[in-house]
PDB file of N, CA and C in Angstrom:
ATOM      1  N   MET A   1       8.222  -9.887 -15.509  1.00  0.00           N
ATOM      2  CA  MET A   1       7.552  -8.611 -15.615  1.00  0.00           C
ATOM      3  C   MET A   1       8.435  -7.646 -16.379  1.00  0.00           C
ATOM      4  N   LYS A   2       7.847  -6.916 -17.282  1.00  0.00           N
ATOM      5  CA  LYS A   2       8.578  -5.916 -18.031  1.00  0.00           C
ATOM      6  C   LYS A   2       8.745  -4.674 -17.171  1.00  0.00           C
ATOM      7  N   SER A   3       9.964  -4.179 -17.090  1.00  0.00           N
ATOM      8  CA  SER A   3      10.237  -3.053 -16.210  1.00  0.00           C
ATOM      9  C   SER A   3       9.515  -1.787 -16.642  1.00  0.00           C
ATOM     10  N   GLY A   4       9.099  -1.683 -17.911  1.00  0.00           N
ATOM     11  CA  GLY A   4       8.384  -0.507 -18.385  1.00  0.00           C
ATOM     12  C   GLY A   4       7.047  -0.302 -17.695  1.00  0.00           C
ATOM     13  N   ARG A   5       6.459  -1.364 -17.187  1.00  0.00           N
ATOM     14  CA  ARG A   5       5.178  -1.243 -16.480  1.00  0.00           C
ATOM     15  C   ARG A   5       5.361  -0.632 -15.095  1.00  0.00           C
ATOM     16  N   LEU A   6       6.529  -0.797 -14.516  1.00  0.00           N
ATOM     17  CA  LEU A   6       6.798  -0.277 -13.177  1.00  0.00           C
ATOM     18  C   LEU A   6       7.311   1.155 -13.316  1.00  0.00           C
ATOM     19  N   ARG A   7       6.400   2.069 -13.599  1.00  0.00           N
ATOM     20  CA  ARG A   7       6.818   3.417 -13.941  1.00  0.00           C
ATOM     21  C   ARG A   7       6.603   4.445 -12.841  1.00  0.00           C
ATOM     22  N   GLN A   8       5.992   4.056 -11.744  1.00  0.00           N
ATOM     23  CA  GLN A   8       5.766   5.006 -10.661  1.00  0.00           C
ATOM     24  C   GLN A   8       6.673   4.680  -9.485  1.00  0.00           C
ATOM     25  N   ARG A   9       7.324   5.699  -8.959  1.00  0.00           N
ATOM     26  CA  ARG A   9       8.231   5.548  -7.826  1.00  0.00           C
ATOM     27  C   ARG A   9       7.414   5.652  -6.541  1.00  0.00           C
ATOM     28  N   ALA A  10       7.637   4.732  -5.617  1.00  0.00           N
ATOM     29  CA  ALA A  10       6.861   4.705  -4.374  1.00  0.00           C
ATOM     30  C   ALA A  10       7.782   4.429  -3.192  1.00  0.00           C
ATOM     31  N   GLU A  11       7.349   4.920  -2.045  1.00  0.00           N
ATOM     32  CA  GLU A  11       8.032   4.615  -0.796  1.00  0.00           C
ATOM     33  C   GLU A  11       7.295   3.466  -0.128  1.00  0.00           C
ATOM     34  N   LEU A  12       7.992   2.395   0.178  1.00  0.00           N
ATOM     35  CA  LEU A  12       7.423   1.289   0.931  1.00  0.00           C
ATOM     36  C   LEU A  12       7.622   1.624   2.401  1.00  0.00           C
ATOM     37  N   GLN A  13       6.531   1.708   3.137  1.00  0.00           N
ATOM     38  CA  GLN A  13       6.601   2.160   4.524  1.00  0.00           C
ATOM     39  C   GLN A  13       6.062   1.113   5.489  1.00  0.00           C
ATOM     40  N   VAL A  14       6.545   1.184   6.723  1.00  0.00           N
ATOM     41  CA  VAL A  14       6.082   0.311   7.792  1.00  0.00           C
ATOM     42  C   VAL A  14       5.800   1.188   9.017  1.00  0.00           C
ATOM     43  N   ALA A  15       4.792   0.792   9.794  1.00  0.00           N
ATOM     44  CA  ALA A  15       4.401   1.556  10.971  1.00  0.00           C
ATOM     45  C   ALA A  15       5.261   1.191  12.173  1.00  0.00           C
ATOM     46  N   THR A  16       5.551   2.212  12.967  1.00  0.00           N
ATOM     47  CA  THR A  16       6.243   2.018  14.234  1.00  0.00           C
ATOM     48  C   THR A  16       5.365   2.629  15.316  1.00  0.00           C
ATOM     49  N   LYS A  17       5.065   1.843  16.332  1.00  0.00           N
ATOM     50  CA  LYS A  17       4.223   2.349  17.423  1.00  0.00           C
ATOM     51  C   LYS A  17       5.094   2.601  18.638  1.00  0.00           C
ATOM     52  N   THR A  18       4.985   3.805  19.173  1.00  0.00           N
ATOM     53  CA  THR A  18       5.754   4.168  20.357  1.00  0.00           C
ATOM     54  C   THR A  18       4.816   4.724  21.412  1.00  0.00           C
ATOM     55  N   ALA A  19       5.166   4.501  22.665  1.00  0.00           N
ATOM     56  CA  ALA A  19       4.357   5.004  23.777  1.00  0.00           C
ATOM     57  C   ALA A  19       5.037   6.237  24.370  1.00  0.00           C
ATOM     58  N   ASP A  20       4.224   7.240  24.654  1.00  0.00           N
ATOM     59  CA  ASP A  20       4.782   8.419  25.312  1.00  0.00           C
ATOM     60  C   ASP A  20       4.749   8.219  26.826  1.00  0.00           C
ATOM     61  N   ALA A  21       5.091   9.243  27.588  1.00  0.00           N
ATOM     62  CA  ALA A  21       5.172   9.132  29.046  1.00  0.00           C
ATOM     63  C   ALA A  21       3.826   8.760  29.666  1.00  0.00           C
ATOM     64  N   ALA A  22       2.726   9.184  29.036  1.00  0.00           N
ATOM     65  CA  ALA A  22       1.390   8.885  29.559  1.00  0.00           C
ATOM     66  C   ALA A  22       0.906   7.499  29.133  1.00  0.00           C
ATOM     67  N   GLY A  23       1.676   6.812  28.289  1.00  0.00           N
ATOM     68  CA  GLY A  23       1.293   5.481  27.835  1.00  0.00           C
ATOM     69  C   GLY A  23       0.454   5.474  26.572  1.00  0.00           C
ATOM     70  N   THR A  24       0.247   6.645  25.974  1.00  0.00           N
ATOM     71  CA  THR A  24      -0.529   6.732  24.748  1.00  0.00           C
ATOM     72  C   THR A  24       0.323   6.290  23.568  1.00  0.00           C
ATOM     73  N   LEU A  25      -0.211   5.359  22.791  1.00  0.00           N
ATOM     74  CA  LEU A  25       0.510   4.869  21.618  1.00  0.00           C
ATOM     75  C   LEU A  25       0.327   5.825  20.449  1.00  0.00           C
ATOM     76  N   THR A  26       1.429   6.147  19.800  1.00  0.00           N
ATOM     77  CA  THR A  26       1.378   6.936  18.578  1.00  0.00           C
ATOM     78  C   THR A  26       2.003   6.119  17.461  1.00  0.00           C
ATOM     79  N   GLU A  27       1.414   6.246  16.282  1.00  0.00           N
ATOM     80  CA  GLU A  27       1.879   5.472  15.135  1.00  0.00           C
ATOM     81  C   GLU A  27       2.570   6.411  14.155  1.00  0.00           C
ATOM     82  N   THR A  28       3.795   6.083  13.799  1.00  0.00           N
ATOM     83  CA  THR A  28       4.527   6.841  12.790  1.00  0.00           C
ATOM     84  C   THR A  28       4.954   5.882  11.689  1.00  0.00           C
ATOM     85  N   TRP A  29       5.013   6.389  10.485  1.00  0.00           N
ATOM     86  CA  TRP A  29       5.385   5.571   9.338  1.00  0.00           C
ATOM     87  C   TRP A  29       6.787   5.947   8.889  1.00  0.00           C
ATOM     88  N   SER A  30       7.609   4.948   8.665  1.00  0.00           N
ATOM     89  CA  SER A  30       8.967   5.195   8.185  1.00  0.00           C
ATOM     90  C   SER A  30       9.189   4.413   6.893  1.00  0.00           C
ATOM     91  N   THR A  31       9.960   5.000   6.008  1.00  0.00           N
ATOM     92  CA  THR A  31      10.252   4.387   4.720  1.00  0.00           C
ATOM     93  C   THR A  31      11.333   3.334   4.880  1.00  0.00           C
ATOM     94  N   VAL A  32      11.061   2.130   4.390  1.00  0.00           N
ATOM     95  CA  VAL A  32      12.047   1.045   4.463  1.00  0.00           C
ATOM     96  C   VAL A  32      12.718   0.802   3.115  1.00  0.00           C
ATOM     97  N   SER A  33      12.073   1.235   2.025  1.00  0.00           N
ATOM     98  CA  SER A  33      12.661   1.028   0.705  1.00  0.00           C
ATOM     99  C   SER A  33      11.947   1.907  -0.317  1.00  0.00           C
ATOM    100  N   ILE A  34      12.648   2.199  -1.393  1.00  0.00           N
ATOM    101  CA  ILE A  34      12.043   2.861  -2.552  1.00  0.00           C
ATOM    102  C   ILE A  34      11.829   1.769  -3.595  1.00  0.00           C
ATOM    103  N   VAL A  35      10.600   1.660  -4.101  1.00  0.00           N
ATOM    104  CA  VAL A  35      10.256   0.634  -5.085  1.00  0.00           C
ATOM    105  C   VAL A  35       9.542   1.290  -6.255  1.00  0.00           C
ATOM    106  N   PHE A  36       9.515   0.600  -7.367  1.00  0.00           N
ATOM    107  CA  PHE A  36       8.761   1.062  -8.523  1.00  0.00           C
ATOM    108  C   PHE A  36       7.539   0.166  -8.675  1.00  0.00           C
ATOM    109  N   VAL A  37       6.390   0.783  -8.963  1.00  0.00           N
ATOM    110  CA  VAL A  37       5.117   0.070  -8.926  1.00  0.00           C
ATOM    111  C   VAL A  37       4.308   0.288 -10.194  1.00  0.00           C
ATOM    112  N   ASP A  38       3.403  -0.644 -10.430  1.00  0.00           N
ATOM    113  CA  ASP A  38       2.377  -0.525 -11.461  1.00  0.00           C
ATOM    114  C   ASP A  38       1.049  -0.493 -10.718  1.00  0.00           C
ATOM    115  N   ILE A  39       0.360   0.637 -10.794  1.00  0.00           N
ATOM    116  CA  ILE A  39      -0.908   0.814 -10.084  1.00  0.00           C
ATOM    117  C   ILE A  39      -2.038   0.831 -11.109  1.00  0.00           C
ATOM    118  N   ARG A  40      -2.986  -0.096 -10.928  1.00  0.00           N
ATOM    119  CA  ARG A  40      -4.137  -0.175 -11.827  1.00  0.00           C
ATOM    120  C   ARG A  40      -5.422  -0.015 -11.022  1.00  0.00           C
ATOM    121  N   PRO A  41      -6.224   1.014 -11.320  1.00  0.00           N
ATOM    122  CA  PRO A  41      -7.501   1.169 -10.626  1.00  0.00           C
ATOM    123  C   PRO A  41      -8.442   0.024 -10.981  1.00  0.00           C
ATOM    124  N   VAL A  42      -9.171  -0.450  -9.966  1.00  0.00           N
ATOM    125  CA  VAL A  42     -10.107  -1.551 -10.185  1.00  0.00           C
ATOM    126  C   VAL A  42     -11.535  -1.075  -9.974  1.00  0.00           C
ATOM    127  N   ARG A  43     -11.754  -0.285  -8.919  1.00  0.00           N
ATOM    128  CA  ARG A  43     -13.115   0.116  -8.581  1.00  0.00           C
ATOM    129  C   ARG A  43     -13.071   1.414  -7.794  1.00  0.00           C
ATOM    130  N   ALA A  44     -14.092   2.227  -7.984  1.00  0.00           N
ATOM    131  CA  ALA A  44     -14.264   3.437  -7.184  1.00  0.00           C
ATOM    132  C   ALA A  44     -15.743   3.587  -6.883  1.00  0.00           C
ATOM    133  N   ARG A  45     -16.044   4.020  -5.678  1.00  0.00           N
ATOM    134  CA  ARG A  45     -17.448   4.230  -5.312  1.00  0.00           C
ATOM    135  C   ARG A  45     -17.542   5.299  -4.244  1.00  0.00           C
ATOM    136  N   GLU A  46     -18.704   5.922  -4.171  1.00  0.00           N
ATOM    137  CA  GLU A  46     -18.997   6.872  -3.108  1.00  0.00           C
ATOM    138  C   GLU A  46     -20.227   6.365  -2.376  1.00  0.00           C
ATOM    139  N   PHE A  47     -20.237   6.557  -1.065  1.00  0.00           N
ATOM    140  CA  PHE A  47     -21.355   6.108  -0.260  1.00  0.00           C
ATOM    141  C   PHE A  47     -21.503   7.032   0.935  1.00  0.00           C
ATOM    142  N   VAL A  48     -22.676   6.968   1.558  1.00  0.00           N
ATOM    143  CA  VAL A  48     -22.936   7.799   2.728  1.00  0.00           C
ATOM    144  C   VAL A  48     -22.810   6.923   3.964  1.00  0.00           C
ATOM    145  N   GLN A  49     -21.966   7.369   4.888  1.00  0.00           N
ATOM    146  CA  GLN A  49     -21.769   6.647   6.143  1.00  0.00           C
ATOM    147  C   GLN A  49     -21.794   7.666   7.269  1.00  0.00           C
ATOM    148  N   GLN A  50     -22.665   7.454   8.216  1.00  0.00           N
ATOM    149  CA  GLN A  50     -22.850   8.337   9.356  1.00  0.00           C
ATOM    150  C   GLN A  50     -23.097   9.775   8.913  1.00  0.00           C
ATOM    151  N   GLY A  51     -23.895   9.915   7.852  1.00  0.00           N
ATOM    152  CA  GLY A  51     -24.292  11.228   7.380  1.00  0.00           C
ATOM    153  C   GLY A  51     -23.238  11.962   6.568  1.00  0.00           C
ATOM    154  N   GLN A  52     -22.106  11.313   6.266  1.00  0.00           N
ATOM    155  CA  GLN A  52     -21.059  11.951   5.482  1.00  0.00           C
ATOM    156  C   GLN A  52     -20.770  11.124   4.232  1.00  0.00           C
ATOM    157  N   VAL A  53     -20.451  11.821   3.161  1.00  0.00           N
ATOM    158  CA  VAL A  53     -20.104  11.135   1.922  1.00  0.00           C
ATOM    159  C   VAL A  53     -18.678  10.607   2.054  1.00  0.00           C
ATOM    160  N   GLN A  54     -18.532   9.317   1.821  1.00  0.00           N
ATOM    161  CA  GLN A  54     -17.225   8.655   1.881  1.00  0.00           C
ATOM    162  C   GLN A  54     -16.898   8.132   0.494  1.00  0.00           C
ATOM    163  N   SER A  55     -15.628   7.967   0.203  1.00  0.00           N
ATOM    164  CA  SER A  55     -15.248   7.358  -1.068  1.00  0.00           C
ATOM    165  C   SER A  55     -14.317   6.185  -0.797  1.00  0.00           C
ATOM    166  N   ASP A  56     -14.378   5.228  -1.688  1.00  0.00           N
ATOM    167  CA  ASP A  56     -13.587   4.005  -1.563  1.00  0.00           C
ATOM    168  C   ASP A  56     -12.995   3.723  -2.939  1.00  0.00           C
ATOM    169  N   ILE A  57     -11.685   3.751  -3.037  1.00  0.00           N
ATOM    170  CA  ILE A  57     -11.012   3.496  -4.303  1.00  0.00           C
ATOM    171  C   ILE A  57     -10.104   2.293  -4.119  1.00  0.00           C
ATOM    172  N   THR A  58     -10.280   1.287  -4.962  1.00  0.00           N
ATOM    173  CA  THR A  58      -9.512   0.058  -4.857  1.00  0.00           C
ATOM    174  C   THR A  58      -8.611  -0.091  -6.081  1.00  0.00           C
ATOM    175  N   HIS A  59      -7.405  -0.558  -5.844  1.00  0.00           N
ATOM    176  CA  HIS A  59      -6.423  -0.729  -6.907  1.00  0.00           C
ATOM    177  C   HIS A  59      -5.787  -2.114  -6.819  1.00  0.00           C
ATOM    178  N   THR A  60      -5.188  -2.543  -7.915  1.00  0.00           N
ATOM    179  CA  THR A  60      -4.304  -3.700  -7.918  1.00  0.00           C
ATOM    180  C   THR A  60      -2.905  -3.156  -8.182  1.00  0.00           C
ATOM    181  N   ILE A  61      -1.963  -3.533  -7.339  1.00  0.00           N
ATOM    182  CA  ILE A  61      -0.602  -3.010  -7.444  1.00  0.00           C
ATOM    183  C   ILE A  61       0.368  -4.167  -7.633  1.00  0.00           C
ATOM    184  N   GLN A  62       1.327  -3.961  -8.525  1.00  0.00           N
ATOM    185  CA  GLN A  62       2.416  -4.924  -8.717  1.00  0.00           C
ATOM    186  C   GLN A  62       3.742  -4.233  -8.428  1.00  0.00           C
ATOM    187  N   ILE A  63       4.629  -4.955  -7.739  1.00  0.00           N
ATOM    188  CA  ILE A  63       5.996  -4.497  -7.506  1.00  0.00           C
ATOM    189  C   ILE A  63       6.925  -5.684  -7.716  1.00  0.00           C
ATOM    190  N   ARG A  64       8.198  -5.400  -7.845  1.00  0.00           N
ATOM    191  CA  ARG A  64       9.153  -6.509  -7.873  1.00  0.00           C
ATOM    192  C   ARG A  64       9.092  -7.208  -6.522  1.00  0.00           C
ATOM    193  N   TYR A  65       9.403  -8.475  -6.497  1.00  0.00           N
ATOM    194  CA  TYR A  65       9.349  -9.272  -5.280  1.00  0.00           C
ATOM    195  C   TYR A  65      10.139  -8.580  -4.165  1.00  0.00           C
ATOM    196  N   TYR A  66       9.513  -8.465  -3.010  1.00  0.00           N
ATOM    197  CA  TYR A  66      10.144  -7.843  -1.846  1.00  0.00           C
ATOM    198  C   TYR A  66      10.008  -8.807  -0.667  1.00  0.00           C
ATOM    199  N   PRO A  67      11.091  -9.457  -0.246  1.00  0.00           N
ATOM    200  CA  PRO A  67      11.001 -10.426   0.859  1.00  0.00           C
ATOM    201  C   PRO A  67      10.466  -9.762   2.126  1.00  0.00           C
ATOM    202  N   GLY A  68       9.537 -10.416   2.775  1.00  0.00           N
ATOM    203  CA  GLY A  68       8.981  -9.903   4.022  1.00  0.00           C
ATOM    204  C   GLY A  68       7.818  -8.947   3.854  1.00  0.00           C
ATOM    205  N   LEU A  69       7.366  -8.708   2.627  1.00  0.00           N
ATOM    206  CA  LEU A  69       6.243  -7.805   2.392  1.00  0.00           C
ATOM    207  C   LEU A  69       4.968  -8.398   2.980  1.00  0.00           C
ATOM    208  N   THR A  70       4.246  -7.597   3.776  1.00  0.00           N
ATOM    209  CA  THR A  70       2.993  -8.042   4.393  1.00  0.00           C
ATOM    210  C   THR A  70       1.942  -6.952   4.258  1.00  0.00           C
ATOM    211  N   ALA A  71       0.757  -7.258   4.729  1.00  0.00           N
ATOM    212  CA  ALA A  71      -0.329  -6.279   4.730  1.00  0.00           C
ATOM    213  C   ALA A  71      -0.101  -5.189   5.771  1.00  0.00           C
ATOM    214  N   GLU A  72       0.939  -5.306   6.570  1.00  0.00           N
ATOM    215  CA  GLU A  72       1.285  -4.274   7.556  1.00  0.00           C
ATOM    216  C   GLU A  72       2.015  -3.102   6.902  1.00  0.00           C
ATOM    217  N   HIS A  73       2.486  -3.283   5.677  1.00  0.00           N
ATOM    218  CA  HIS A  73       3.174  -2.221   4.949  1.00  0.00           C
ATOM    219  C   HIS A  73       2.157  -1.340   4.226  1.00  0.00           C
ATOM    220  N   ARG A  74       2.625  -0.211   3.739  1.00  0.00           N
ATOM    221  CA  ARG A  74       1.822   0.641   2.870  1.00  0.00           C
ATOM    222  C   ARG A  74       2.749   1.288   1.853  1.00  0.00           C
ATOM    223  N   LEU A  75       2.162   1.855   0.808  1.00  0.00           N
ATOM    224  CA  LEU A  75       2.924   2.537  -0.224  1.00  0.00           C
ATOM    225  C   LEU A  75       2.536   4.003  -0.251  1.00  0.00           C
ATOM    226  N   LYS A  76       3.524   4.854  -0.446  1.00  0.00           N
ATOM    227  CA  LYS A  76       3.282   6.282  -0.594  1.00  0.00           C
ATOM    228  C   LYS A  76       3.818   6.692  -1.954  1.00  0.00           C
ATOM    229  N   VAL A  77       2.920   7.175  -2.803  1.00  0.00           N
ATOM    230  CA  VAL A  77       3.275   7.647  -4.140  1.00  0.00           C
ATOM    231  C   VAL A  77       2.936   9.133  -4.181  1.00  0.00           C
ATOM    232  N   ASP A  78       3.959   9.965  -4.206  1.00  0.00           N
ATOM    233  CA  ASP A  78       3.792  11.412  -4.083  1.00  0.00           C
ATOM    234  C   ASP A  78       3.032  11.695  -2.787  1.00  0.00           C
ATOM    235  N   SER A  79       1.833  12.251  -2.864  1.00  0.00           N
ATOM    236  CA  SER A  79       1.058  12.522  -1.647  1.00  0.00           C
ATOM    237  C   SER A  79      -0.045  11.484  -1.428  1.00  0.00           C
ATOM    238  N   ARG A  80      -0.109  10.471  -2.291  1.00  0.00           N
ATOM    239  CA  ARG A  80      -1.145   9.440  -2.192  1.00  0.00           C
ATOM    240  C   ARG A  80      -0.648   8.281  -1.331  1.00  0.00           C
ATOM    241  N   ILE A  81      -1.560   7.754  -0.506  1.00  0.00           N
ATOM    242  CA  ILE A  81      -1.251   6.629   0.378  1.00  0.00           C
ATOM    243  C   ILE A  81      -2.094   5.430  -0.052  1.00  0.00           C
ATOM    244  N   PHE A  82      -1.429   4.272  -0.215  1.00  0.00           N
ATOM    245  CA  PHE A  82      -2.101   3.034  -0.584  1.00  0.00           C
ATOM    246  C   PHE A  82      -1.873   2.004   0.518  1.00  0.00           C
ATOM    247  N   ASN A  83      -2.956   1.587   1.170  1.00  0.00           N
ATOM    248  CA  ASN A  83      -2.880   0.567   2.213  1.00  0.00           C
ATOM    249  C   ASN A  83      -3.064  -0.807   1.581  1.00  0.00           C
ATOM    250  N   ILE A  84      -2.173  -1.718   1.902  1.00  0.00           N
ATOM    251  CA  ILE A  84      -2.259  -3.073   1.371  1.00  0.00           C
ATOM    252  C   ILE A  84      -3.432  -3.766   2.043  1.00  0.00           C
ATOM    253  N   ALA A  85      -4.400  -4.227   1.231  1.00  0.00           N
ATOM    254  CA  ALA A  85      -5.654  -4.747   1.759  1.00  0.00           C
ATOM    255  C   ALA A  85      -5.612  -6.235   2.087  1.00  0.00           C
ATOM    256  N   ALA A  86      -4.685  -6.974   1.522  1.00  0.00           N
ATOM    257  CA  ALA A  86      -4.604  -8.417   1.761  1.00  0.00           C
ATOM    258  C   ALA A  86      -3.153  -8.861   1.583  1.00  0.00           C
ATOM    259  N   ALA A  87      -2.878 -10.067   2.001  1.00  0.00           N
ATOM    260  CA  ALA A  87      -1.511 -10.584   1.888  1.00  0.00           C
ATOM    261  C   ALA A  87      -1.061 -10.557   0.431  1.00  0.00           C
ATOM    262  N   PRO A  88       0.130 -10.048   0.178  1.00  0.00           N
ATOM    263  CA  PRO A  88       0.644 -10.008  -1.193  1.00  0.00           C
ATOM    264  C   PRO A  88       0.802 -11.407  -1.781  1.00  0.00           C
ATOM    265  N   ILE A  89       0.528 -11.518  -3.073  1.00  0.00           N
ATOM    266  CA  ILE A  89       0.645 -12.790  -3.781  1.00  0.00           C
ATOM    267  C   ILE A  89       1.992 -12.824  -4.488  1.00  0.00           C
ATOM    268  N   ASN A  90       2.722 -13.899  -4.307  1.00  0.00           N
ATOM    269  CA  ASN A  90       3.969 -14.136  -5.016  1.00  0.00           C
ATOM    270  C   ASN A  90       3.576 -14.750  -6.363  1.00  0.00           C
ATOM    271  N   VAL A  91       3.486 -13.926  -7.404  1.00  0.00           N
ATOM    272  CA  VAL A  91       2.971 -14.345  -8.704  1.00  0.00           C
ATOM    273  C   VAL A  91       3.801 -15.498  -9.258  1.00  0.00           C
ATOM    274  N   ASP A  92       3.127 -16.570  -9.624  1.00  0.00           N
ATOM    275  CA  ASP A  92       3.734 -17.784 -10.177  1.00  0.00           C
ATOM    276  C   ASP A  92       4.752 -18.438  -9.243  1.00  0.00           C
ATOM    277  N   GLU A  93       4.797 -18.017  -7.979  1.00  0.00           N
ATOM    278  CA  GLU A  93       5.723 -18.587  -6.984  1.00  0.00           C
ATOM    279  C   GLU A  93       7.172 -18.581  -7.482  1.00  0.00           C
ATOM    280  N   ARG A  94       7.542 -17.505  -8.197  1.00  0.00           N
ATOM    281  CA  ARG A  94       8.887 -17.433  -8.763  1.00  0.00           C
ATOM    282  C   ARG A  94       9.759 -16.381  -8.084  1.00  0.00           C
ATOM    283  N   ASN A  95       9.265 -15.731  -7.048  1.00  0.00           N
ATOM    284  CA  ASN A  95      10.010 -14.687  -6.326  1.00  0.00           C
ATOM    285  C   ASN A  95      10.487 -13.568  -7.256  1.00  0.00           C
ATOM    286  N   ARG A  96       9.596 -13.173  -8.154  1.00  0.00           N
ATOM    287  CA  ARG A  96       9.924 -12.073  -9.069  1.00  0.00           C
ATOM    288  C   ARG A  96       8.957 -10.902  -8.939  1.00  0.00           C
ATOM    289  N   VAL A  97       7.683 -11.205  -8.691  1.00  0.00           N
ATOM    290  CA  VAL A  97       6.653 -10.171  -8.669  1.00  0.00           C
ATOM    291  C   VAL A  97       5.705 -10.403  -7.504  1.00  0.00           C
ATOM    292  N   HIS A  98       5.385  -9.325  -6.795  1.00  0.00           N
ATOM    293  CA  HIS A  98       4.315  -9.343  -5.794  1.00  0.00           C
ATOM    294  C   HIS A  98       3.130  -8.573  -6.384  1.00  0.00           C
ATOM    295  N   GLU A  99       1.943  -9.092  -6.173  1.00  0.00           N
ATOM    296  CA  GLU A  99       0.720  -8.411  -6.591  1.00  0.00           C
ATOM    297  C   GLU A  99      -0.233  -8.423  -5.407  1.00  0.00           C
ATOM    298  N   PHE A 100      -0.936  -7.295  -5.194  1.00  0.00           N
ATOM    299  CA  PHE A 100      -1.857  -7.231  -4.058  1.00  0.00           C
ATOM    300  C   PHE A 100      -2.916  -6.169  -4.299  1.00  0.00           C
ATOM    301  N   PRO A 101      -4.076  -6.355  -3.657  1.00  0.00           N
ATOM    302  CA  PRO A 101      -5.092  -5.315  -3.693  1.00  0.00           C
ATOM    303  C   PRO A 101      -4.737  -4.238  -2.671  1.00  0.00           C
ATOM    304  N   ALA A 102      -5.078  -3.009  -3.000  1.00  0.00           N
ATOM    305  CA  ALA A 102      -4.796  -1.903  -2.090  1.00  0.00           C
ATOM    306  C   ALA A 102      -5.949  -0.904  -2.135  1.00  0.00           C
ATOM    307  N   THR A 103      -6.164  -0.237  -1.026  1.00  0.00           N
ATOM    308  CA  THR A 103      -7.160   0.825  -0.971  1.00  0.00           C
ATOM    309  C   THR A 103      -6.430   2.144  -0.793  1.00  0.00           C
ATOM    310  N   GLU A 104      -6.927   3.144  -1.480  1.00  0.00           N
ATOM    311  CA  GLU A 104      -6.307   4.462  -1.393  1.00  0.00           C
ATOM    312  C   GLU A 104      -6.919   5.231  -0.234  1.00  0.00           C
ATOM    313  N   ALA A 105      -6.077   5.730   0.647  1.00  0.00           N
ATOM    314  CA  ALA A 105      -6.551   6.509   1.797  1.00  0.00           C
ATOM    315  C   ALA A 105      -6.969   7.888   1.300  1.00  0.00           C
ATOM    316  N   MET A 106      -8.100   8.322   1.766  1.00  0.00           N
ATOM    317  CA  MET A 106      -8.619   9.642   1.356  1.00  0.00           C
ATOM    318  C   MET A 106      -8.524  10.621   2.493  1.00  0.00           C
TER     319      MET A 106
END
């Protein structure tokens, strides 16, 4: 992969769930690494669900190979959040590039 394509800086985050005194679980996201990404929009749509207009934006994202990357991670680029929608693909099985579909949280 040419490094020029990885032009956006992103925080790779993982969720941590903690229980308070009442036993209620709260989810917080912490940054585990700073990575550079190539984000390509694939599809965008708007639809009505439960009487409200919703939007769904799907992207394909590439990053340098990151051992242990799963769909449990997410990416934060500036104020935008990208949830990994499926298990990342190790492109060409060479441990150089991960590619995965992601949905942008609105």
